[in-house]
N, C-alpha and C. Protein backbone atom coordinates (compact mmCIF):
# COMPACT_ATOMS: atom_id res chain seq x y z
N MET A 1 -12.51 -27.25 18.91
CA MET A 1 -13.27 -27.39 17.68
C MET A 1 -13.95 -28.79 17.73
N ASP A 2 -15.22 -28.81 17.29
CA ASP A 2 -15.89 -30.05 17.19
C ASP A 2 -15.38 -30.87 16.02
N ALA A 3 -15.44 -32.25 16.23
CA ALA A 3 -14.97 -33.07 15.05
C ALA A 3 -16.01 -32.99 13.95
N PRO A 4 -15.49 -33.04 12.69
CA PRO A 4 -16.40 -32.92 11.51
C PRO A 4 -17.17 -34.24 11.42
N ALA A 5 -18.34 -34.10 10.67
CA ALA A 5 -19.15 -35.28 10.45
C ALA A 5 -18.35 -36.23 9.66
N PRO A 6 -18.56 -37.57 9.79
CA PRO A 6 -17.70 -38.55 9.02
C PRO A 6 -17.70 -38.33 7.58
N ASP A 7 -18.75 -37.80 6.97
CA ASP A 7 -18.76 -37.65 5.58
C ASP A 7 -18.49 -36.26 5.09
N ALA A 8 -18.07 -35.35 6.12
CA ALA A 8 -17.70 -33.98 5.82
C ALA A 8 -16.28 -33.86 5.01
N LEU A 9 -16.20 -32.95 4.19
CA LEU A 9 -14.94 -32.69 3.58
C LEU A 9 -14.01 -31.78 4.45
N VAL A 10 -12.80 -32.33 4.67
CA VAL A 10 -11.95 -31.71 5.56
C VAL A 10 -10.62 -31.32 4.89
N CYS A 11 -9.89 -30.36 5.47
CA CYS A 11 -8.72 -29.85 4.94
C CYS A 11 -7.66 -30.93 4.78
N SER A 12 -6.86 -30.92 3.79
CA SER A 12 -5.87 -31.93 3.50
C SER A 12 -4.50 -31.73 4.17
N ALA A 13 -4.35 -30.47 4.82
CA ALA A 13 -3.14 -30.21 5.56
C ALA A 13 -2.97 -31.14 6.74
N ARG A 14 -1.77 -31.66 6.95
CA ARG A 14 -1.47 -32.62 7.99
C ARG A 14 -1.98 -32.09 9.32
N GLY A 15 -2.75 -32.93 9.97
CA GLY A 15 -3.29 -32.71 11.31
C GLY A 15 -4.46 -31.82 11.41
N CYS A 16 -4.80 -31.17 10.26
CA CYS A 16 -5.99 -30.23 10.30
C CYS A 16 -7.35 -31.00 10.03
N ARG A 17 -8.28 -30.69 10.77
CA ARG A 17 -9.66 -31.26 10.71
C ARG A 17 -10.64 -30.28 10.48
N ALA A 18 -10.26 -29.06 10.00
CA ALA A 18 -11.21 -27.92 9.72
C ALA A 18 -11.98 -28.24 8.43
N PRO A 19 -13.14 -27.79 8.34
CA PRO A 19 -13.98 -27.98 7.09
C PRO A 19 -13.27 -27.34 5.88
N ALA A 20 -13.26 -28.08 4.74
CA ALA A 20 -12.66 -27.58 3.54
C ALA A 20 -13.57 -26.53 2.92
N GLU A 21 -12.94 -25.46 2.51
CA GLU A 21 -13.53 -24.31 1.81
C GLU A 21 -13.07 -24.28 0.35
N TRP A 22 -11.93 -24.68 0.08
CA TRP A 22 -11.23 -24.59 -1.20
C TRP A 22 -10.80 -25.97 -1.84
N ALA A 23 -10.87 -26.13 -3.11
CA ALA A 23 -10.51 -27.26 -3.82
C ALA A 23 -9.29 -26.81 -4.66
N LEU A 24 -8.08 -27.31 -4.34
CA LEU A 24 -6.86 -27.01 -5.16
C LEU A 24 -6.65 -28.16 -6.15
N ARG A 25 -6.93 -27.82 -7.39
CA ARG A 25 -6.86 -28.78 -8.38
C ARG A 25 -5.49 -28.79 -9.15
N TRP A 26 -4.91 -29.99 -9.24
CA TRP A 26 -3.59 -30.06 -9.66
C TRP A 26 -3.31 -31.38 -10.46
N ASN A 27 -2.10 -31.37 -11.09
CA ASN A 27 -1.62 -32.56 -11.68
C ASN A 27 -0.03 -32.49 -11.84
N ASN A 28 0.58 -33.64 -11.84
CA ASN A 28 2.03 -33.65 -12.05
C ASN A 28 2.18 -34.03 -13.55
N PRO A 29 2.63 -33.11 -14.36
CA PRO A 29 2.71 -33.39 -15.84
C PRO A 29 3.59 -34.53 -16.20
N ARG A 30 4.56 -34.94 -15.32
CA ARG A 30 5.36 -35.97 -15.63
C ARG A 30 4.72 -37.42 -15.36
N LEU A 31 3.63 -37.35 -14.59
CA LEU A 31 2.92 -38.57 -14.25
C LEU A 31 1.47 -38.63 -14.76
N HIS A 32 0.83 -37.46 -14.91
CA HIS A 32 -0.59 -37.48 -15.35
C HIS A 32 -0.79 -36.93 -16.64
N GLU A 33 -1.79 -37.40 -17.39
CA GLU A 33 -2.20 -36.82 -18.60
C GLU A 33 -2.61 -35.45 -18.36
N ALA A 34 -2.57 -34.49 -19.43
CA ALA A 34 -2.88 -33.09 -19.20
C ALA A 34 -4.21 -32.75 -18.61
N ALA A 35 -5.20 -33.50 -19.01
CA ALA A 35 -6.59 -33.28 -18.60
C ALA A 35 -6.97 -33.78 -17.22
N ARG A 36 -6.11 -34.65 -16.65
CA ARG A 36 -6.41 -35.21 -15.28
C ARG A 36 -6.14 -34.20 -14.25
N ARG A 37 -7.01 -34.20 -13.21
CA ARG A 37 -6.85 -33.33 -12.11
C ARG A 37 -7.02 -34.09 -10.80
N LYS A 38 -6.00 -33.99 -9.88
CA LYS A 38 -6.18 -34.42 -8.56
C LYS A 38 -6.55 -33.24 -7.65
N THR A 39 -7.09 -33.54 -6.51
CA THR A 39 -7.63 -32.41 -5.77
C THR A 39 -7.13 -32.57 -4.26
N TRP A 40 -6.64 -31.51 -3.80
CA TRP A 40 -6.39 -31.35 -2.34
C TRP A 40 -7.40 -30.33 -1.81
N LEU A 41 -7.95 -30.54 -0.68
CA LEU A 41 -8.92 -29.63 -0.03
C LEU A 41 -8.21 -28.78 1.02
N ALA A 42 -8.64 -27.56 1.10
CA ALA A 42 -8.02 -26.56 2.15
C ALA A 42 -9.11 -25.82 2.87
N CYS A 43 -8.79 -25.59 4.14
CA CYS A 43 -9.51 -24.70 4.86
C CYS A 43 -9.01 -23.22 4.54
N ALA A 44 -9.56 -22.18 5.10
CA ALA A 44 -9.10 -20.84 4.84
C ALA A 44 -7.64 -20.60 5.33
N ASP A 45 -7.31 -21.30 6.44
CA ASP A 45 -6.00 -21.13 6.98
C ASP A 45 -4.93 -21.74 6.17
N HIS A 46 -5.21 -22.82 5.56
CA HIS A 46 -4.15 -23.64 4.81
C HIS A 46 -4.20 -23.39 3.22
N ARG A 47 -5.07 -22.62 2.75
CA ARG A 47 -5.23 -22.47 1.31
C ARG A 47 -3.95 -21.95 0.65
N THR A 48 -3.35 -21.05 1.26
CA THR A 48 -2.08 -20.40 0.73
C THR A 48 -0.95 -21.32 0.84
N SER A 49 -0.69 -22.01 2.00
CA SER A 49 0.44 -22.91 2.13
C SER A 49 0.44 -24.08 1.28
N LEU A 50 -0.78 -24.73 1.13
CA LEU A 50 -0.92 -25.80 0.24
C LEU A 50 -0.84 -25.41 -1.15
N GLY A 51 -1.39 -24.28 -1.48
CA GLY A 51 -1.35 -23.77 -2.88
C GLY A 51 0.07 -23.43 -3.25
N ASP A 52 0.82 -22.80 -2.33
CA ASP A 52 2.28 -22.43 -2.64
C ASP A 52 3.14 -23.72 -2.81
N PHE A 53 2.90 -24.77 -2.03
CA PHE A 53 3.65 -26.04 -2.18
C PHE A 53 3.39 -26.60 -3.61
N LEU A 54 2.19 -26.64 -4.09
CA LEU A 54 1.86 -27.12 -5.42
C LEU A 54 2.40 -26.23 -6.59
N ASP A 55 2.29 -24.94 -6.32
CA ASP A 55 2.59 -23.94 -7.29
C ASP A 55 4.14 -23.92 -7.62
N VAL A 56 5.00 -24.06 -6.50
CA VAL A 56 6.41 -24.06 -6.65
C VAL A 56 6.88 -25.22 -7.51
N ARG A 57 6.14 -26.32 -7.46
CA ARG A 57 6.47 -27.57 -8.21
C ARG A 57 5.85 -27.48 -9.66
N GLY A 58 5.09 -26.49 -9.94
CA GLY A 58 4.46 -26.35 -11.26
C GLY A 58 3.25 -27.26 -11.42
N PHE A 59 2.66 -27.71 -10.27
CA PHE A 59 1.54 -28.63 -10.30
C PHE A 59 0.24 -27.99 -10.25
N LEU A 60 0.14 -26.83 -9.60
CA LEU A 60 -1.30 -26.14 -9.32
C LEU A 60 -1.93 -25.71 -10.72
N ARG A 61 -3.08 -26.13 -10.96
CA ARG A 61 -3.81 -25.74 -12.16
C ARG A 61 -4.92 -24.71 -11.84
N GLU A 62 -5.70 -24.85 -10.80
CA GLU A 62 -6.77 -23.92 -10.38
C GLU A 62 -7.15 -24.13 -8.92
N VAL A 63 -7.75 -23.03 -8.41
CA VAL A 63 -8.26 -23.04 -7.05
C VAL A 63 -9.72 -22.63 -7.05
N VAL A 64 -10.67 -23.39 -6.66
CA VAL A 64 -12.04 -23.10 -6.71
C VAL A 64 -12.70 -23.36 -5.41
N PRO A 65 -13.78 -22.66 -5.13
CA PRO A 65 -14.49 -22.96 -3.83
C PRO A 65 -14.94 -24.43 -3.97
N VAL A 66 -14.96 -25.15 -2.84
CA VAL A 66 -15.48 -26.50 -2.74
C VAL A 66 -16.86 -26.59 -3.28
N ALA A 67 -17.69 -25.65 -3.01
CA ALA A 67 -19.09 -25.67 -3.41
C ALA A 67 -19.16 -25.68 -5.01
N GLY A 68 -18.17 -25.08 -5.67
CA GLY A 68 -18.18 -25.03 -7.11
C GLY A 68 -17.30 -26.02 -7.80
N SER A 69 -16.71 -26.88 -7.03
CA SER A 69 -15.70 -27.81 -7.62
C SER A 69 -16.39 -29.01 -8.39
N PRO A 70 -15.79 -29.35 -9.49
CA PRO A 70 -16.32 -30.62 -10.14
C PRO A 70 -16.14 -31.74 -9.27
N THR A 71 -16.53 -32.94 -9.72
CA THR A 71 -16.43 -34.07 -8.90
C THR A 71 -14.94 -34.20 -8.31
N LEU A 72 -14.92 -34.39 -7.05
CA LEU A 72 -13.60 -34.38 -6.37
C LEU A 72 -12.93 -35.76 -6.51
N GLU A 73 -11.61 -35.69 -6.78
CA GLU A 73 -10.81 -36.86 -6.89
C GLU A 73 -9.56 -36.69 -6.06
N ALA A 74 -9.50 -37.36 -5.00
CA ALA A 74 -8.40 -37.21 -4.06
C ALA A 74 -7.23 -38.06 -4.41
């Protein structure tokens, strides 16, 4: 696989350099105000595993395509 362009959005999974297709919007209610959203990016292969990690902890708020995501905050 070719390396992504320096400004390309890439998957947040450890060691993955694939282009991001999904924005997993989350917050930790014990640390963040209710309206705040943090974002992990995911490729098609890691969308489920990253989403499950956040969901089990009660952090996952929404999953949207990167193209339709509001301003990203990592």
